[in-house]
Amino acid sequence: PINYNIPKRFPRNLNELKLHITDSTRKA
């Protein structure tokens, strides 16, 4: 399932990058 709360753009800061990696870790 896709997490729609995560910004669908390239991370602009470390917090957004952490959100993307955390969501990818969840799916893995």
PDB file of all heavy atoms in Angstrom:
ATOM      1  N   PRO A   1       0.826  -1.220   0.000  1.00  0.00           N
ATOM      2  CA  PRO A   1       0.000   0.000   0.000  1.00  0.00           C
ATOM      3  C   PRO A   1       0.855   1.263   0.000  1.00  0.00           C
ATOM      4  O   PRO A   1       1.899   1.329   0.648  1.00  0.00           O
ATOM      5  CB  PRO A   1      -0.811  -0.126   1.303  1.00  0.00           C
ATOM      6  CG  PRO A   1      -0.812  -1.588   1.615  1.00  0.00           C
ATOM      7  CD  PRO A   1       0.495  -2.126   1.126  1.00  0.00           C
ATOM      8  N   ILE A   2       0.408   2.257  -0.748  1.00  0.00           N
ATOM      9  CA  ILE A   2       1.133   3.518  -0.864  1.00  0.00           C
ATOM     10  C   ILE A   2       0.728   4.462   0.260  1.00  0.00           C
ATOM     11  O   ILE A   2      -0.460   4.581   0.587  1.00  0.00           O
ATOM     12  CB  ILE A   2       0.859   4.179  -2.227  1.00  0.00           C
ATOM     13  CG1 ILE A   2       1.319   3.258  -3.355  1.00  0.00           C
ATOM     14  CG2 ILE A   2       1.553   5.531  -2.336  1.00  0.00           C
ATOM     15  CD1 ILE A   2       0.978   3.771  -4.742  1.00  0.00           C
ATOM     16  N   ASN A   3       1.703   5.101   0.850  1.00  0.00           N
ATOM     17  CA  ASN A   3       1.451   6.099   1.884  1.00  0.00           C
ATOM     18  C   ASN A   3       1.289   7.460   1.208  1.00  0.00           C
ATOM     19  O   ASN A   3       2.258   8.057   0.741  1.00  0.00           O
ATOM     20  CB  ASN A   3       2.610   6.127   2.877  1.00  0.00           C
ATOM     21  CG  ASN A   3       2.322   7.028   4.066  1.00  0.00           C
ATOM     22  OD1 ASN A   3       1.284   7.691   4.133  1.00  0.00           O
ATOM     23  ND2 ASN A   3       3.244   7.056   5.022  1.00  0.00           N
ATOM     24  N   TYR A   4       0.052   7.942   1.143  1.00  0.00           N
ATOM     25  CA  TYR A   4      -0.232   9.197   0.434  1.00  0.00           C
ATOM     26  C   TYR A   4       0.122  10.432   1.261  1.00  0.00           C
ATOM     27  O   TYR A   4       0.015  11.555   0.754  1.00  0.00           O
ATOM     28  CB  TYR A   4      -1.711   9.251   0.036  1.00  0.00           C
ATOM     29  CG  TYR A   4      -2.072   8.206  -0.989  1.00  0.00           C
ATOM     30  CD1 TYR A   4      -2.668   7.005  -0.613  1.00  0.00           C
ATOM     31  CD2 TYR A   4      -1.814   8.419  -2.342  1.00  0.00           C
ATOM     32  CE1 TYR A   4      -2.997   6.042  -1.559  1.00  0.00           C
ATOM     33  CE2 TYR A   4      -2.146   7.465  -3.292  1.00  0.00           C
ATOM     34  CZ  TYR A   4      -2.736   6.281  -2.897  1.00  0.00           C
ATOM     35  OH  TYR A   4      -3.054   5.335  -3.834  1.00  0.00           O
ATOM     36  N   ASN A   5       0.547  10.243   2.504  1.00  0.00           N
ATOM     37  CA  ASN A   5       0.932  11.382   3.335  1.00  0.00           C
ATOM     38  C   ASN A   5       2.357  11.857   3.058  1.00  0.00           C
ATOM     39  O   ASN A   5       2.753  12.919   3.529  1.00  0.00           O
ATOM     40  CB  ASN A   5       0.805  11.013   4.816  1.00  0.00           C
ATOM     41  CG  ASN A   5      -0.627  10.716   5.214  1.00  0.00           C
ATOM     42  OD1 ASN A   5      -1.562  11.365   4.719  1.00  0.00           O
ATOM     43  ND2 ASN A   5      -0.825   9.736   6.078  1.00  0.00           N
ATOM     44  N   ILE A   6       3.110  11.059   2.299  1.00  0.00           N
ATOM     45  CA  ILE A   6       4.486  11.432   1.986  1.00  0.00           C
ATOM     46  C   ILE A   6       4.498  12.308   0.739  1.00  0.00           C
ATOM     47  O   ILE A   6       3.795  12.017  -0.240  1.00  0.00           O
ATOM     48  CB  ILE A   6       5.347  10.173   1.769  1.00  0.00           C
ATOM     49  CG1 ILE A   6       5.386   9.353   3.053  1.00  0.00           C
ATOM     50  CG2 ILE A   6       6.757  10.531   1.323  1.00  0.00           C
ATOM     51  CD1 ILE A   6       6.151   8.070   2.928  1.00  0.00           C
ATOM     52  N   PRO A   7       5.259  13.390   0.730  1.00  0.00           N
ATOM     53  CA  PRO A   7       5.323  14.259  -0.455  1.00  0.00           C
ATOM     54  C   PRO A   7       5.814  13.491  -1.671  1.00  0.00           C
ATOM     55  O   PRO A   7       6.801  12.757  -1.611  1.00  0.00           O
ATOM     56  CB  PRO A   7       6.330  15.345  -0.044  1.00  0.00           C
ATOM     57  CG  PRO A   7       6.339  15.312   1.446  1.00  0.00           C
ATOM     58  CD  PRO A   7       6.063  13.906   1.848  1.00  0.00           C
ATOM     59  N   LYS A   8       5.101  13.649  -2.792  1.00  0.00           N
ATOM     60  CA  LYS A   8       5.452  12.955  -4.021  1.00  0.00           C
ATOM     61  C   LYS A   8       6.409  13.808  -4.859  1.00  0.00           C
ATOM     62  O   LYS A   8       6.188  14.059  -6.038  1.00  0.00           O
ATOM     63  CB  LYS A   8       4.182  12.627  -4.813  1.00  0.00           C
ATOM     64  CG  LYS A   8       3.195  11.743  -4.063  1.00  0.00           C
ATOM     65  CD  LYS A   8       3.838  10.416  -3.684  1.00  0.00           C
ATOM     66  CE  LYS A   8       2.843   9.487  -3.010  1.00  0.00           C
ATOM     67  NZ  LYS A   8       2.396   9.973  -1.698  1.00  0.00           N
ATOM     68  N   ARG A   9       7.464  14.258  -4.236  1.00  0.00           N
ATOM     69  CA  ARG A   9       8.497  15.037  -4.918  1.00  0.00           C
ATOM     70  C   ARG A   9       9.852  14.623  -4.360  1.00  0.00           C
ATOM     71  O   ARG A   9       9.934  13.932  -3.345  1.00  0.00           O
ATOM     72  CB  ARG A   9       8.278  16.539  -4.704  1.00  0.00           C
ATOM     73  CG  ARG A   9       8.362  16.966  -3.251  1.00  0.00           C
ATOM     74  CD  ARG A   9       8.334  18.472  -3.085  1.00  0.00           C
ATOM     75  NE  ARG A   9       8.497  18.868  -1.692  1.00  0.00           N
ATOM     76  CZ  ARG A   9       7.508  19.077  -0.857  1.00  0.00           C
ATOM     77  NH1 ARG A   9       6.242  18.956  -1.273  1.00  0.00           N
ATOM     78  NH2 ARG A   9       7.741  19.422   0.401  1.00  0.00           N
ATOM     79  N   PHE A  10      10.886  15.044  -5.072  1.00  0.00           N
ATOM     80  CA  PHE A  10      12.223  14.721  -4.606  1.00  0.00           C
ATOM     81  C   PHE A  10      12.482  15.403  -3.267  1.00  0.00           C
ATOM     82  O   PHE A  10      12.121  16.577  -3.088  1.00  0.00           O
ATOM     83  CB  PHE A  10      13.271  15.165  -5.625  1.00  0.00           C
ATOM     84  CG  PHE A  10      14.627  14.566  -5.385  1.00  0.00           C
ATOM     85  CD1 PHE A  10      14.920  13.292  -5.836  1.00  0.00           C
ATOM     86  CD2 PHE A  10      15.594  15.268  -4.687  1.00  0.00           C
ATOM     87  CE1 PHE A  10      16.162  12.726  -5.615  1.00  0.00           C
ATOM     88  CE2 PHE A  10      16.835  14.716  -4.460  1.00  0.00           C
ATOM     89  CZ  PHE A  10      17.129  13.441  -4.925  1.00  0.00           C
ATOM     90  N   PRO A  11      13.054  14.701  -2.288  1.00  0.00           N
ATOM     91  CA  PRO A  11      13.249  15.289  -0.948  1.00  0.00           C
ATOM     92  C   PRO A  11      14.027  16.602  -1.003  1.00  0.00           C
ATOM     93  O   PRO A  11      15.078  16.694  -1.632  1.00  0.00           O
ATOM     94  CB  PRO A  11      14.052  14.208  -0.200  1.00  0.00           C
ATOM     95  CG  PRO A  11      13.885  12.968  -0.977  1.00  0.00           C
ATOM     96  CD  PRO A  11      13.578  13.324  -2.370  1.00  0.00           C
ATOM     97  N   ARG A  12      13.492  17.592  -0.315  1.00  0.00           N
ATOM     98  CA  ARG A  12      14.132  18.906  -0.267  1.00  0.00           C
ATOM     99  C   ARG A  12      14.951  19.104   1.003  1.00  0.00           C
ATOM    100  O   ARG A  12      15.714  20.061   1.098  1.00  0.00           O
ATOM    101  CB  ARG A  12      13.081  20.000  -0.377  1.00  0.00           C
ATOM    102  CG  ARG A  12      12.301  19.961  -1.689  1.00  0.00           C
ATOM    103  CD  ARG A  12      11.242  21.028  -1.743  1.00  0.00           C
ATOM    104  NE  ARG A  12      10.497  20.969  -3.005  1.00  0.00           N
ATOM    105  CZ  ARG A  12       9.456  21.767  -3.293  1.00  0.00           C
ATOM    106  NH1 ARG A  12       9.046  22.662  -2.402  1.00  0.00           N
ATOM    107  NH2 ARG A  12       8.848  21.646  -4.458  1.00  0.00           N
ATOM    108  N   ASN A  13      14.784  18.218   1.957  1.00  0.00           N
ATOM    109  CA  ASN A  13      15.560  18.293   3.193  1.00  0.00           C
ATOM    110  C   ASN A  13      15.705  16.885   3.761  1.00  0.00           C
ATOM    111  O   ASN A  13      15.151  15.909   3.216  1.00  0.00           O
ATOM    112  CB  ASN A  13      14.894  19.240   4.203  1.00  0.00           C
ATOM    113  CG  ASN A  13      13.417  18.914   4.409  1.00  0.00           C
ATOM    114  OD1 ASN A  13      13.058  17.791   4.744  1.00  0.00           O
ATOM    115  ND2 ASN A  13      12.555  19.917   4.179  1.00  0.00           N
ATOM    116  N   LEU A  14      16.442  16.793   4.857  1.00  0.00           N
ATOM    117  CA  LEU A  14      16.703  15.483   5.449  1.00  0.00           C
ATOM    118  C   LEU A  14      15.447  14.843   6.017  1.00  0.00           C
ATOM    119  O   LEU A  14      15.315  13.610   6.010  1.00  0.00           O
ATOM    120  CB  LEU A  14      17.768  15.621   6.543  1.00  0.00           C
ATOM    121  CG  LEU A  14      19.190  15.932   6.063  1.00  0.00           C
ATOM    122  CD1 LEU A  14      20.129  16.107   7.245  1.00  0.00           C
ATOM    123  CD2 LEU A  14      19.696  14.828   5.134  1.00  0.00           C
ATOM    124  N   ASN A  15      14.516  15.660   6.499  1.00  0.00           N
ATOM    125  CA  ASN A  15      13.293  15.094   7.061  1.00  0.00           C
ATOM    126  C   ASN A  15      12.450  14.397   5.981  1.00  0.00           C
ATOM    127  O   ASN A  15      11.912  13.306   6.214  1.00  0.00           O
ATOM    128  CB  ASN A  15      12.468  16.201   7.723  1.00  0.00           C
ATOM    129  CG  ASN A  15      13.100  16.697   9.016  1.00  0.00           C
ATOM    130  OD1 ASN A  15      13.782  15.939   9.706  1.00  0.00           O
ATOM    131  ND2 ASN A  15      12.899  17.969   9.340  1.00  0.00           N
ATOM    132  N   GLU A  16      12.336  15.030   4.806  1.00  0.00           N
ATOM    133  CA  GLU A  16      11.599  14.389   3.718  1.00  0.00           C
ATOM    134  C   GLU A  16      12.310  13.138   3.226  1.00  0.00           C
ATOM    135  O   GLU A  16      11.672  12.132   2.900  1.00  0.00           O
ATOM    136  CB  GLU A  16      11.406  15.384   2.570  1.00  0.00           C
ATOM    137  CG  GLU A  16      10.434  16.514   2.893  1.00  0.00           C
ATOM    138  CD  GLU A  16      10.142  17.364   1.673  1.00  0.00           C
ATOM    139  OE1 GLU A  16      10.695  17.065   0.593  1.00  0.00           O
ATOM    140  OE2 GLU A  16       9.361  18.321   1.800  1.00  0.00           O
ATOM    141  N   LEU A  17      13.652  13.180   3.168  1.00  0.00           N
ATOM    142  CA  LEU A  17      14.404  11.989   2.783  1.00  0.00           C
ATOM    143  C   LEU A  17      14.183  10.859   3.779  1.00  0.00           C
ATOM    144  O   LEU A  17      14.024   9.690   3.396  1.00  0.00           O
ATOM    145  CB  LEU A  17      15.893  12.321   2.677  1.00  0.00           C
ATOM    146  CG  LEU A  17      16.823  11.160   2.322  1.00  0.00           C
ATOM    147  CD1 LEU A  17      16.469  10.584   0.955  1.00  0.00           C
ATOM    148  CD2 LEU A  17      18.285  11.606   2.362  1.00  0.00           C
ATOM    149  N   LYS A  18      14.145  11.204   5.057  1.00  0.00           N
ATOM    150  CA  LYS A  18      13.908  10.192   6.087  1.00  0.00           C
ATOM    151  C   LYS A  18      12.518   9.590   5.941  1.00  0.00           C
ATOM    152  O   LYS A  18      12.331   8.379   6.137  1.00  0.00           O
ATOM    153  CB  LYS A  18      14.079  10.821   7.474  1.00  0.00           C
ATOM    154  CG  LYS A  18      13.933   9.830   8.607  1.00  0.00           C
ATOM    155  CD  LYS A  18      14.158  10.501   9.955  1.00  0.00           C
ATOM    156  CE  LYS A  18      13.987   9.502  11.087  1.00  0.00           C
ATOM    157  NZ  LYS A  18      14.193  10.145  12.416  1.00  0.00           N
ATOM    158  N   LEU A  19      11.522  10.421   5.579  1.00  0.00           N
ATOM    159  CA  LEU A  19      10.175   9.900   5.372  1.00  0.00           C
ATOM    160  C   LEU A  19      10.147   8.895   4.223  1.00  0.00           C
ATOM    161  O   LEU A  19       9.509   7.838   4.325  1.00  0.00           O
ATOM    162  CB  LEU A  19       9.207  11.058   5.094  1.00  0.00           C
ATOM    163  CG  LEU A  19       8.858  11.971   6.268  1.00  0.00           C
ATOM    164  CD1 LEU A  19       7.986  13.126   5.791  1.00  0.00           C
ATOM    165  CD2 LEU A  19       8.129  11.184   7.352  1.00  0.00           C
ATOM    166  N   HIS A  20      10.824   9.217   3.129  1.00  0.00           N
ATOM    167  CA  HIS A  20      10.851   8.316   1.977  1.00  0.00           C
ATOM    168  C   HIS A  20      11.534   6.996   2.329  1.00  0.00           C
ATOM    169  O   HIS A  20      11.046   5.913   1.981  1.00  0.00           O
ATOM    170  CB  HIS A  20      11.577   8.988   0.813  1.00  0.00           C
ATOM    171  CG  HIS A  20      10.750   9.999   0.083  1.00  0.00           C
ATOM    172  ND1 HIS A  20       9.655   9.662  -0.680  1.00  0.00           N
ATOM    173  CD2 HIS A  20      10.864  11.350  -0.001  1.00  0.00           C
ATOM    174  CE1 HIS A  20       9.125  10.744  -1.213  1.00  0.00           C
ATOM    175  NE2 HIS A  20       9.849  11.798  -0.815  1.00  0.00           N
ATOM    176  N   ILE A  21      12.677   7.070   3.003  1.00  0.00           N
ATOM    177  CA  ILE A  21      13.409   5.850   3.349  1.00  0.00           C
ATOM    178  C   ILE A  21      12.622   5.017   4.355  1.00  0.00           C
ATOM    179  O   ILE A  21      12.591   3.782   4.270  1.00  0.00           O
ATOM    180  CB  ILE A  21      14.803   6.212   3.886  1.00  0.00           C
ATOM    181  CG1 ILE A  21      15.647   6.856   2.775  1.00  0.00           C
ATOM    182  CG2 ILE A  21      15.518   4.973   4.432  1.00  0.00           C
ATOM    183  CD1 ILE A  21      17.011   7.300   3.232  1.00  0.00           C
ATOM    184  N   THR A  22      11.963   5.682   5.301  1.00  0.00           N
ATOM    185  CA  THR A  22      11.152   4.951   6.280  1.00  0.00           C
ATOM    186  C   THR A  22      10.007   4.216   5.603  1.00  0.00           C
ATOM    187  O   THR A  22       9.698   3.059   5.939  1.00  0.00           O
ATOM    188  CB  THR A  22      10.606   5.923   7.334  1.00  0.00           C
ATOM    189  OG1 THR A  22      11.699   6.586   7.984  1.00  0.00           O
ATOM    190  CG2 THR A  22       9.785   5.184   8.373  1.00  0.00           C
ATOM    191  N   ASP A  23       9.371   4.867   4.627  1.00  0.00           N
ATOM    192  CA  ASP A  23       8.272   4.221   3.917  1.00  0.00           C
ATOM    193  C   ASP A  23       8.787   3.060   3.063  1.00  0.00           C
ATOM    194  O   ASP A  23       8.141   2.009   2.984  1.00  0.00           O
ATOM    195  CB  ASP A  23       7.555   5.244   3.039  1.00  0.00           C
ATOM    196  CG  ASP A  23       6.305   4.671   2.402  1.00  0.00           C
ATOM    197  OD1 ASP A  23       5.405   4.228   3.143  1.00  0.00           O
ATOM    198  OD2 ASP A  23       6.242   4.632   1.156  1.00  0.00           O
ATOM    199  N   SER A  24       9.938   3.237   2.432  1.00  0.00           N
ATOM    200  CA  SER A  24      10.519   2.141   1.655  1.00  0.00           C
ATOM    201  C   SER A  24      10.896   0.970   2.552  1.00  0.00           C
ATOM    202  O   SER A  24      10.714  -0.193   2.180  1.00  0.00           O
ATOM    203  CB  SER A  24      11.752   2.631   0.892  1.00  0.00           C
ATOM    204  OG  SER A  24      11.396   3.584  -0.084  1.00  0.00           O
ATOM    205  N   THR A  25      11.406   1.278   3.730  1.00  0.00           N
ATOM    206  CA  THR A  25      11.740   0.216   4.683  1.00  0.00           C
ATOM    207  C   THR A  25      10.487  -0.529   5.122  1.00  0.00           C
ATOM    208  O   THR A  25      10.509  -1.758   5.290  1.00  0.00           O
ATOM    209  CB  THR A  25      12.462   0.813   5.896  1.00  0.00           C
ATOM    210  OG1 THR A  25      13.620   1.530   5.456  1.00  0.00           O
ATOM    211  CG2 THR A  25      12.887  -0.272   6.872  1.00  0.00           C
ATOM    212  N   ARG A  26       9.399   0.215   5.300  1.00  0.00           N
ATOM    213  CA  ARG A  26       8.129  -0.429   5.662  1.00  0.00           C
ATOM    214  C   ARG A  26       7.684  -1.410   4.582  1.00  0.00           C
ATOM    215  O   ARG A  26       7.294  -2.551   4.879  1.00  0.00           O
ATOM    216  CB  ARG A  26       7.058   0.636   5.862  1.00  0.00           C
ATOM    217  CG  ARG A  26       5.642   0.074   6.033  1.00  0.00           C
ATOM    218  CD  ARG A  26       4.599   1.180   6.028  1.00  0.00           C
ATOM    219  NE  ARG A  26       4.545   1.872   4.744  1.00  0.00           N
ATOM    220  CZ  ARG A  26       3.852   1.433   3.684  1.00  0.00           C
ATOM    221  NH1 ARG A  26       3.185   0.272   3.748  1.00  0.00           N
ATOM    222  NH2 ARG A  26       3.828   2.128   2.562  1.00  0.00           N
ATOM    223  N   LYS A  27       7.768  -1.003   3.328  1.00  0.00           N
ATOM    224  CA  LYS A  27       7.342  -1.874   2.237  1.00  0.00           C
ATOM    225  C   LYS A  27       8.274  -3.079   2.083  1.00  0.00           C
ATOM    226  O   LYS A  27       7.811  -4.191   1.800  1.00  0.00           O
ATOM    227  CB  LYS A  27       7.280  -1.073   0.937  1.00  0.00           C
ATOM    228  CG  LYS A  27       6.176  -0.019   0.931  1.00  0.00           C
ATOM    229  CD  LYS A  27       5.914   0.533  -0.450  1.00  0.00           C
ATOM    230  CE  LYS A  27       7.048   1.396  -0.927  1.00  0.00           C
ATOM    231  NZ  LYS A  27       6.735   2.035  -2.250  1.00  0.00           N
ATOM    232  N   ALA A  28       9.566  -2.869   2.278  1.00  0.00           N
ATOM    233  CA  ALA A  28      10.510  -3.985   2.196  1.00  0.00           C
ATOM    234  C   ALA A  28      10.273  -4.981   3.324  1.00  0.00           C
ATOM    235  O   ALA A  28      10.303  -6.203   3.113  1.00  0.00           O
ATOM    236  CB  ALA A  28      11.942  -3.465   2.230  1.00  0.00           C
TER     237      ALA A  28
END
